[in-house]
Amino acid sequence: MLNVMSLRAARKDELAPRGLLSENSSALTDGLAVPQRAHRVSENAHHQQGAYIPFPRTRAEREKTGDPGVSIEERYPSRAEYLARIEQVAKGLASERYILAGDVPAIVAEAGRHWDWRMTEAK
């Protein structure tokens, strides 16, 4: 099954100009998934999985750290809106046969669990 992190790609206008997204990439994120560089080889598999750099949760958190990006709360007005957008992207991927339509509910459920973890994480 497709991991919900695979659906997380930042907005095209933020990443496509930097060569981090293809023109056909979808636009949903609460953090930046950074792929492992292909030329780096390690005996430890966990070093080959890349990184997840979460966006600040709130505008105040973003301003406090000087992050020029947009916070999660600024991107998504609510959990429901975030999940609706995840579902929309997942259904689009299913219609293009990148994922199975039957996997969409599980992807949305995992996105909900991730939202809950990310937005309630110790501050």
Protein backbone atom coordinates (compact mmCIF):
# COMPACT_ATOMS: atom_id res chain seq x y z
CA MET A 1 0.00 0.00 0.00
CA LEU A 2 1.15 3.57 -0.67
CA ASN A 3 2.35 5.33 2.45
CA VAL A 4 0.57 8.61 3.11
CA MET A 5 3.96 10.32 3.15
CA SER A 6 4.13 9.59 -0.57
CA LEU A 7 1.20 11.94 -1.05
CA ARG A 8 2.98 14.75 0.67
CA ALA A 9 4.61 16.98 -1.88
CA ALA A 10 4.88 20.70 -1.25
CA ARG A 11 3.18 23.20 -3.49
CA LYS A 12 4.52 23.29 -7.04
CA ASP A 13 5.37 26.98 -6.82
CA GLU A 14 7.61 26.24 -3.83
CA LEU A 15 9.48 23.18 -5.06
CA ALA A 16 9.15 22.77 -8.83
CA PRO A 17 11.41 25.75 -9.57
CA ARG A 18 14.09 24.12 -7.39
CA GLY A 19 13.83 20.85 -9.29
CA LEU A 20 12.30 19.01 -6.34
CA LEU A 21 8.97 18.26 -8.03
CA SER A 22 7.96 17.22 -11.48
CA GLU A 23 5.31 19.22 -13.27
CA ASN A 24 2.76 16.46 -12.55
CA SER A 25 3.29 16.33 -8.78
CA SER A 26 0.36 16.77 -6.43
CA ALA A 27 0.28 19.51 -3.83
CA LEU A 28 -0.21 18.53 -0.19
CA THR A 29 2.16 18.73 2.69
CA ASP A 30 2.71 19.26 6.39
CA GLY A 31 6.43 18.86 6.01
CA LEU A 32 9.09 18.25 3.47
CA ALA A 33 10.02 14.68 2.58
CA VAL A 34 13.60 14.76 1.39
CA PRO A 35 14.75 11.71 -0.60
CA GLN A 36 18.06 10.05 0.16
CA ARG A 37 20.73 11.00 -2.34
CA ALA A 38 21.29 8.10 -4.72
CA HIS A 39 25.09 8.22 -4.55
CA ARG A 40 25.27 7.80 -0.78
CA VAL A 41 25.57 4.19 0.28
CA SER A 42 25.31 2.99 3.85
CA GLU A 43 25.24 -0.37 5.57
CA ASN A 44 22.38 0.88 7.74
CA ALA A 45 19.08 0.92 5.85
CA HIS A 46 17.62 3.66 8.02
CA HIS A 47 20.22 6.04 6.64
CA GLN A 48 18.85 5.47 3.15
CA GLN A 49 15.30 6.58 3.86
CA GLY A 50 15.77 10.34 3.57
CA ALA A 51 14.34 12.83 6.03
CA TYR A 52 11.11 14.47 7.07
CA ILE A 53 11.35 18.14 7.94
CA PRO A 54 8.02 19.26 9.40
CA PHE A 55 6.64 22.72 8.74
CA PRO A 56 5.87 24.87 11.77
CA ARG A 57 2.42 24.14 13.20
CA THR A 58 1.36 27.77 13.66
CA ARG A 59 2.14 31.19 12.31
CA ALA A 60 3.52 32.17 15.73
CA GLU A 61 5.87 29.16 15.70
CA ARG A 62 6.97 30.05 12.17
CA GLU A 63 7.64 33.68 13.08
CA LYS A 64 9.49 32.69 16.27
CA THR A 65 11.92 30.51 14.31
CA GLY A 66 12.18 32.88 11.35
CA ASP A 67 10.91 30.24 8.93
CA PRO A 68 9.95 31.97 5.64
CA GLY A 69 7.54 29.17 4.64
CA VAL A 70 3.86 28.80 5.41
CA SER A 71 2.77 27.04 8.61
CA ILE A 72 0.39 24.09 8.65
CA GLU A 73 -2.43 26.17 10.13
CA GLU A 74 -1.92 28.75 7.35
CA ARG A 75 -2.04 26.04 4.67
CA TYR A 76 -5.01 24.11 6.01
CA PRO A 77 -7.81 25.85 7.92
CA SER A 78 -8.80 22.60 9.65
CA ARG A 79 -8.15 18.88 9.96
CA ALA A 80 -11.26 18.25 7.86
CA GLU A 81 -9.94 20.46 5.04
CA TYR A 82 -6.56 18.71 5.15
CA LEU A 83 -8.20 15.27 4.96
CA ALA A 84 -10.53 16.39 2.16
CA ARG A 85 -7.51 17.51 0.17
CA ILE A 86 -5.65 14.25 0.90
CA GLU A 87 -8.70 12.32 -0.29
CA GLN A 88 -8.97 14.44 -3.44
CA VAL A 89 -5.31 13.82 -4.33
CA ALA A 90 -5.56 10.10 -3.51
CA LYS A 91 -8.67 9.72 -5.68
CA GLY A 92 -6.86 11.52 -8.49
CA LEU A 93 -3.93 9.14 -8.17
CA ALA A 94 -6.35 6.20 -8.18
CA SER A 95 -8.09 7.49 -11.32
CA GLU A 96 -4.69 7.71 -13.00
CA ARG A 97 -3.96 4.16 -11.80
CA TYR A 98 -0.96 5.09 -9.63
CA ILE A 99 -2.67 3.55 -6.58
CA LEU A 100 -5.62 1.25 -6.04
CA ALA A 101 -8.98 2.91 -5.38
CA GLY A 102 -9.45 0.53 -2.46
CA ASP A 103 -6.38 2.03 -0.77
CA VAL A 104 -7.84 5.56 -0.64
CA PRO A 105 -9.70 5.12 2.70
CA ALA A 106 -6.58 3.72 4.37
CA ILE A 107 -4.48 6.60 3.03
CA VAL A 108 -6.97 9.14 4.38
CA ALA A 109 -7.10 7.36 7.76
CA GLU A 110 -3.29 7.37 7.99
CA ALA A 111 -3.23 11.05 7.07
CA GLY A 112 -5.67 11.69 9.94
CA ARG A 113 -3.42 9.85 12.39
CA HIS A 114 -0.42 11.80 11.12
CA TRP A 115 -2.31 15.11 11.49
CA ASP A 116 -3.25 14.22 15.06
CA TRP A 117 0.34 13.32 15.91
CA ARG A 118 1.84 16.37 14.21
CA MET A 119 -0.60 18.94 15.50
CA THR A 120 -0.60 17.65 19.10
CA GLU A 121 3.15 16.97 19.28
CA ALA A 122 4.80 18.43 22.38
CA LYS A 123 5.56 22.08 21.77
